C-alpha atoms as a PDB file:
ATOM      1  CA  MET A   1    -107.430 -63.956 -48.561  1.00  0.00           C
ATOM      2  CA  SER A   2    -104.565 -66.271 -47.625  1.00  0.00           C
ATOM      3  CA  LYS A   3    -103.902 -66.773 -43.932  1.00  0.00           C
ATOM      4  CA  LYS A   4    -100.336 -65.553 -44.245  1.00  0.00           C
ATOM      5  CA  THR A   5    -101.393 -62.167 -45.598  1.00  0.00           C
ATOM      6  CA  ALA A   6    -104.547 -61.626 -43.542  1.00  0.00           C
ATOM      7  CA  HIS A   7    -104.413 -58.404 -41.561  1.00  0.00           C
ATOM      8  CA  VAL A   8    -105.200 -58.394 -37.867  1.00  0.00           C
ATOM      9  CA  SER A   9    -106.416 -55.224 -36.166  1.00  0.00           C
ATOM     10  CA  GLU A  10    -103.856 -53.320 -34.103  1.00  0.00           C
ATOM     11  CA  THR A  11    -102.695 -54.780 -30.810  1.00  0.00           C
ATOM     12  CA  LEU A  12    -100.602 -53.115 -28.125  1.00  0.00           C
ATOM     13  CA  ALA A  13     -97.656 -55.057 -29.545  1.00  0.00           C
ATOM     14  CA  THR A  14     -98.100 -53.831 -33.126  1.00  0.00           C
ATOM     15  CA  GLN A  15     -98.680 -50.269 -31.887  1.00  0.00           C
ATOM     16  CA  PHE A  16     -95.365 -50.532 -30.013  1.00  0.00           C
ATOM     17  CA  LEU A  17     -93.559 -51.882 -33.094  1.00  0.00           C
ATOM     18  CA  ARG A  18     -95.007 -49.197 -35.382  1.00  0.00           C
ATOM     19  CA  LEU A  19     -94.159 -46.456 -32.856  1.00  0.00           C
ATOM     20  CA  HIS A  20     -90.529 -47.645 -32.954  1.00  0.00           C
ATOM     21  CA  LYS A  21     -90.595 -47.959 -36.774  1.00  0.00           C
ATOM     22  CA  VAL A  22     -89.961 -51.711 -36.749  1.00  0.00           C
ATOM     23  CA  ALA A  23     -90.764 -53.519 -39.990  1.00  0.00           C
ATOM     24  CA  PHE A  24     -92.696 -56.715 -39.326  1.00  0.00           C
ATOM     25  CA  GLY A  25     -94.637 -59.340 -41.226  1.00  0.00           C
ATOM     26  CA  GLU A  26     -98.042 -60.538 -40.067  1.00  0.00           C
ATOM     27  CA  HIS A  27     -98.706 -64.279 -39.787  1.00  0.00           C
ATOM     28  CA  VAL A  28    -102.218 -65.400 -38.913  1.00  0.00           C
ATOM     29  CA  TYR A  29    -103.109 -68.996 -38.027  1.00  0.00           C
ATOM     30  CA  ASP A  30    -106.038 -70.824 -36.443  1.00  0.00           C
ATOM     31  CA  TYR A  31    -105.379 -70.757 -32.699  1.00  0.00           C
ATOM     32  CA  VAL A  32    -105.695 -74.164 -31.047  1.00  0.00           C
ATOM     33  CA  GLU A  33    -105.988 -74.353 -27.252  1.00  0.00           C
ATOM     34  CA  HIS A  34    -102.718 -75.835 -25.878  1.00  0.00           C
ATOM     35  CA  GLY A  35    -101.396 -76.156 -29.452  1.00  0.00           C
ATOM     36  CA  GLY A  36     -98.429 -73.885 -28.725  1.00  0.00           C
ATOM     37  CA  THR A  37     -95.598 -73.228 -31.111  1.00  0.00           C
ATOM     38  CA  GLY A  38     -95.908 -76.714 -32.599  1.00  0.00           C
ATOM     39  CA  GLU A  39     -99.342 -75.853 -33.955  1.00  0.00           C
ATOM     40  CA  SER A  40     -98.426 -72.374 -35.222  1.00  0.00           C
ATOM     41  CA  SER A  41     -95.243 -73.593 -36.925  1.00  0.00           C
ATOM     42  CA  LYS A  42     -97.117 -76.450 -38.604  1.00  0.00           C
ATOM     43  CA  GLN A  43     -99.893 -74.168 -39.902  1.00  0.00           C
ATOM     44  CA  LEU A  44     -97.456 -71.488 -41.084  1.00  0.00           C
ATOM     45  CA  GLY A  45     -94.951 -73.936 -42.564  1.00  0.00           C
ATOM     46  CA  VAL A  46     -91.951 -72.659 -40.608  1.00  0.00           C
ATOM     47  CA  PRO A  47     -89.494 -74.515 -38.348  1.00  0.00           C
ATOM     48  CA  GLU A  48     -90.674 -74.524 -34.731  1.00  0.00           C
ATOM     49  CA  HIS A  49     -87.136 -73.468 -33.731  1.00  0.00           C
ATOM     50  CA  GLU A  50     -87.805 -70.075 -35.396  1.00  0.00           C
ATOM     51  CA  VAL A  51     -91.077 -69.508 -33.532  1.00  0.00           C
ATOM     52  CA  VAL A  52     -90.196 -67.792 -30.259  1.00  0.00           C
ATOM     53  CA  LYS A  53     -92.445 -68.171 -27.245  1.00  0.00           C
ATOM     54  CA  THR A  54     -92.918 -65.408 -24.674  1.00  0.00           C
ATOM     55  CA  LEU A  55     -92.939 -66.823 -21.145  1.00  0.00           C
ATOM     56  CA  VAL A  56     -93.892 -64.729 -18.116  1.00  0.00           C
ATOM     57  CA  MET A  57     -92.031 -65.989 -15.052  1.00  0.00           C
ATOM     58  CA  GLN A  58     -91.217 -64.741 -11.581  1.00  0.00           C
ATOM     59  CA  ASP A  59     -88.303 -64.877  -9.192  1.00  0.00           C
ATOM     60  CA  GLU A  60     -88.374 -65.886  -5.516  1.00  0.00           C
ATOM     61  CA  LYS A  61     -89.635 -62.381  -4.600  1.00  0.00           C
ATOM     62  CA  ALA A  62     -92.542 -62.763  -7.079  1.00  0.00           C
ATOM     63  CA  GLN A  63     -90.942 -60.112  -9.325  1.00  0.00           C
ATOM     64  CA  PRO A  64     -92.045 -60.806 -12.925  1.00  0.00           C
ATOM     65  CA  LEU A  65     -89.699 -61.301 -15.869  1.00  0.00           C
ATOM     66  CA  ILE A  66     -90.023 -62.395 -19.480  1.00  0.00           C
ATOM     67  CA  VAL A  67     -88.092 -65.246 -21.092  1.00  0.00           C
ATOM     68  CA  LEU A  68     -88.010 -65.580 -24.885  1.00  0.00           C
ATOM     69  CA  MET A  69     -87.309 -69.157 -25.947  1.00  0.00           C
ATOM     70  CA  HIS A  70     -87.249 -71.259 -29.121  1.00  0.00           C
ATOM     71  CA  GLY A  71     -90.590 -72.983 -29.638  1.00  0.00           C
ATOM     72  CA  ASP A  72     -88.992 -76.425 -29.692  1.00  0.00           C
ATOM     73  CA  CYS A  73     -87.118 -75.906 -26.403  1.00  0.00           C
ATOM     74  CA  THR A  74     -87.965 -75.552 -22.737  1.00  0.00           C
ATOM     75  CA  VAL A  75     -86.306 -73.363 -20.119  1.00  0.00           C
ATOM     76  CA  SER A  76     -83.897 -74.828 -17.576  1.00  0.00           C
ATOM     77  CA  LEU A  77     -85.210 -72.905 -14.568  1.00  0.00           C
ATOM     78  CA  LYS A  78     -82.103 -73.726 -12.493  1.00  0.00           C
ATOM     79  CA  GLU A  79     -79.759 -72.510 -15.215  1.00  0.00           C
ATOM     80  CA  LEU A  80     -81.815 -69.358 -15.803  1.00  0.00           C
ATOM     81  CA  ALA A  81     -81.825 -68.546 -12.063  1.00  0.00           C
ATOM     82  CA  ARG A  82     -78.043 -69.066 -11.942  1.00  0.00           C
ATOM     83  CA  GLN A  83     -77.438 -66.729 -14.890  1.00  0.00           C
ATOM     84  CA  ILE A  84     -79.724 -63.790 -14.089  1.00  0.00           C
ATOM     85  CA  PRO A  85     -78.863 -64.291 -10.946  1.00  0.00           C
ATOM     86  CA  CYS A  86     -81.548 -65.076  -8.419  1.00  0.00           C
ATOM     87  CA  LYS A  87     -82.404 -67.937  -6.073  1.00  0.00           C
ATOM     88  CA  LYS A  88     -85.336 -69.378  -7.979  1.00  0.00           C
ATOM     89  CA  VAL A  89     -87.412 -68.827 -11.135  1.00  0.00           C
ATOM     90  CA  GLU A  90     -90.826 -70.314 -11.842  1.00  0.00           C
ATOM     91  CA  PRO A  91     -93.580 -69.753 -14.394  1.00  0.00           C
ATOM     92  CA  CYS A  92     -96.342 -67.381 -13.317  1.00  0.00           C
ATOM     93  CA  LYS A  93     -99.846 -68.776 -13.007  1.00  0.00           C
ATOM     94  CA  PRO A  94    -101.899 -67.791 -16.100  1.00  0.00           C
ATOM     95  CA  ASP A  95    -103.969 -65.131 -14.278  1.00  0.00           C
ATOM     96  CA  VAL A  96    -100.815 -63.573 -12.776  1.00  0.00           C
ATOM     97  CA  ALA A  97     -99.039 -63.609 -16.149  1.00  0.00           C
ATOM     98  CA  GLN A  98    -102.067 -61.906 -17.703  1.00  0.00           C
ATOM     99  CA  ARG A  99    -102.092 -59.231 -14.987  1.00  0.00           C
ATOM    100  CA  HIS A 100     -98.390 -58.457 -15.563  1.00  0.00           C
ATOM    101  CA  SER A 101     -98.420 -58.547 -19.371  1.00  0.00           C
ATOM    102  CA  GLY A 102    -101.935 -57.371 -20.214  1.00  0.00           C
ATOM    103  CA  TYR A 103    -102.218 -60.258 -22.692  1.00  0.00           C
ATOM    104  CA  LEU A 104    -104.182 -63.510 -22.631  1.00  0.00           C
ATOM    105  CA  VAL A 105    -101.993 -66.582 -22.236  1.00  0.00           C
ATOM    106  CA  GLY A 106    -101.442 -67.934 -25.748  1.00  0.00           C
ATOM    107  CA  GLY A 107    -101.341 -64.363 -27.052  1.00  0.00           C
ATOM    108  CA  THR A 108     -98.553 -62.914 -24.890  1.00  0.00           C
ATOM    109  CA  SER A 109     -96.133 -60.606 -26.676  1.00  0.00           C
ATOM    110  CA  PRO A 110     -92.987 -59.096 -25.153  1.00  0.00           C
ATOM    111  CA  PHE A 111     -93.908 -55.797 -26.865  1.00  0.00           C
ATOM    112  CA  GLY A 112     -96.314 -53.312 -25.296  1.00  0.00           C
ATOM    113  CA  THR A 113     -96.702 -55.124 -21.975  1.00  0.00           C
ATOM    114  CA  ARG A 114     -98.825 -53.558 -19.247  1.00  0.00           C
ATOM    115  CA  LYS A 115     -95.923 -53.663 -16.782  1.00  0.00           C
ATOM    116  CA  ALA A 116     -92.251 -53.084 -17.648  1.00  0.00           C
ATOM    117  CA  MET A 117     -90.368 -56.315 -16.950  1.00  0.00           C
ATOM    118  CA  PRO A 118     -86.781 -57.411 -17.500  1.00  0.00           C
ATOM    119  CA  VAL A 119     -86.489 -59.514 -20.670  1.00  0.00           C
ATOM    120  CA  PHE A 120     -84.130 -62.452 -21.143  1.00  0.00           C
ATOM    121  CA  VAL A 121     -83.631 -64.145 -24.506  1.00  0.00           C
ATOM    122  CA  GLU A 122     -82.043 -67.485 -25.305  1.00  0.00           C
ATOM    123  CA  ALA A 123     -78.744 -66.450 -26.943  1.00  0.00           C
ATOM    124  CA  THR A 124     -79.196 -68.738 -29.963  1.00  0.00           C
ATOM    125  CA  VAL A 125     -82.466 -66.948 -30.856  1.00  0.00           C
ATOM    126  CA  LEU A 126     -80.347 -63.873 -31.653  1.00  0.00           C
ATOM    127  CA  ALA A 127     -78.360 -65.850 -34.247  1.00  0.00           C
ATOM    128  CA  LEU A 128     -81.436 -66.585 -36.375  1.00  0.00           C
ATOM    129  CA  PRO A 129     -81.975 -64.422 -39.489  1.00  0.00           C
ATOM    130  CA  ARG A 130     -85.667 -63.866 -38.659  1.00  0.00           C
ATOM    131  CA  ILE A 131     -88.083 -65.006 -35.961  1.00  0.00           C
ATOM    132  CA  LEU A 132     -91.835 -65.258 -35.514  1.00  0.00           C
ATOM    133  CA  ILE A 133     -93.066 -64.044 -32.130  1.00  0.00           C
ATOM    134  CA  ASN A 134     -96.510 -63.361 -30.717  1.00  0.00           C
ATOM    135  CA  GLY A 135     -98.082 -60.156 -31.959  1.00  0.00           C
ATOM    136  CA  GLY A 136    -100.384 -59.652 -28.987  1.00  0.00           C
ATOM    137  CA  ARG A 137    -103.312 -61.886 -29.876  1.00  0.00           C
ATOM    138  CA  ARG A 138    -103.961 -65.627 -30.030  1.00  0.00           C
ATOM    139  CA  GLY A 139    -103.411 -66.898 -33.572  1.00  0.00           C
ATOM    140  CA  TYR A 140    -101.199 -63.973 -34.582  1.00  0.00           C
ATOM    141  CA  LEU A 141     -97.417 -63.895 -34.925  1.00  0.00           C
ATOM    142  CA  VAL A 142     -95.178 -61.127 -36.233  1.00  0.00           C
ATOM    143  CA  GLY A 143     -92.003 -61.781 -38.197  1.00  0.00           C
ATOM    144  CA  ILE A 144     -89.080 -59.600 -37.086  1.00  0.00           C
ATOM    145  CA  GLU A 145     -85.305 -59.521 -37.013  1.00  0.00           C
ATOM    146  CA  PRO A 146     -84.051 -60.846 -33.646  1.00  0.00           C
ATOM    147  CA  ARG A 147     -81.920 -57.728 -33.037  1.00  0.00           C
ATOM    148  CA  VAL A 148     -85.207 -55.908 -32.285  1.00  0.00           C
ATOM    149  CA  LEU A 149     -85.322 -57.864 -29.000  1.00  0.00           C
ATOM    150  CA  THR A 150     -82.031 -56.440 -27.758  1.00  0.00           C
ATOM    151  CA  GLU A 151     -82.435 -52.995 -29.331  1.00  0.00           C
ATOM    152  CA  LEU A 152     -85.995 -52.232 -28.177  1.00  0.00           C
ATOM    153  CA  LEU A 153     -86.497 -54.468 -25.151  1.00  0.00           C
ATOM    154  CA  ALA A 154     -82.891 -54.475 -23.863  1.00  0.00           C
ATOM    155  CA  ALA A 155     -83.252 -58.267 -23.763  1.00  0.00           C
ATOM    156  CA  ARG A 156     -80.293 -59.897 -22.038  1.00  0.00           C
ATOM    157  CA  PRO A 157     -78.933 -63.062 -23.666  1.00  0.00           C
ATOM    158  CA  VAL A 158     -78.938 -66.193 -21.501  1.00  0.00           C
ATOM    159  CA  GLU A 159     -78.158 -69.845 -22.187  1.00  0.00           C
ATOM    160  CA  CYS A 160     -80.854 -71.933 -20.566  1.00  0.00           C
ATOM    161  CA  ALA A 161     -82.470 -73.899 -23.418  1.00  0.00           C
ATOM    162  CA  LEU A 162     -83.330 -77.558 -23.106  1.00  0.00           C
ATOM    163  CA  LYS A 163     -84.463 -79.369 -26.231  1.00  0.00           C
ATOM    164  CA  THR A 164     -88.049 -80.508 -25.678  1.00  0.00           C
ATOM    165  CA  GLY A 165     -87.962 -84.045 -24.343  1.00  0.00           C
ATOM    166  CA  ALA A 166     -84.456 -83.577 -22.877  1.00  0.00           C
ATOM    167  CA  GLU A 167     -83.998 -83.620 -19.122  1.00  0.00           C
END
């Protein structure tokens, strides 16, 4: 069976997508510790810009939030804080992120999270025809239309992307 068509058992994320009648493709790859979107895009043969990472962050009051960002970009924390608005935003520690989302780091999906959190999406992600985003398990991405992020998650567009390597 080819990796791109292998079926992965249900996750909370795929249950959520099916419940809301969202069509999605399944994309399985060999998870590599700290490989990130660079590794998944290479194995799946897709541009890293179209692989969207799910980042669990928190504001100055330790209130969690999710940021959806292009795989080949990082988040300008100052710009994000200015736009959402709050005083400060920082990534959650892995164990805290796991507690909020219910997912292992490296397998975090914005769909079917344990705790409801506000979702922010880099505006240019919404302009893509299709994206790959984590399906709730390490080594498993789902292909969806970006409008699903705003329609189902009420994701608010922000402009806080920094190209990786840019300051």
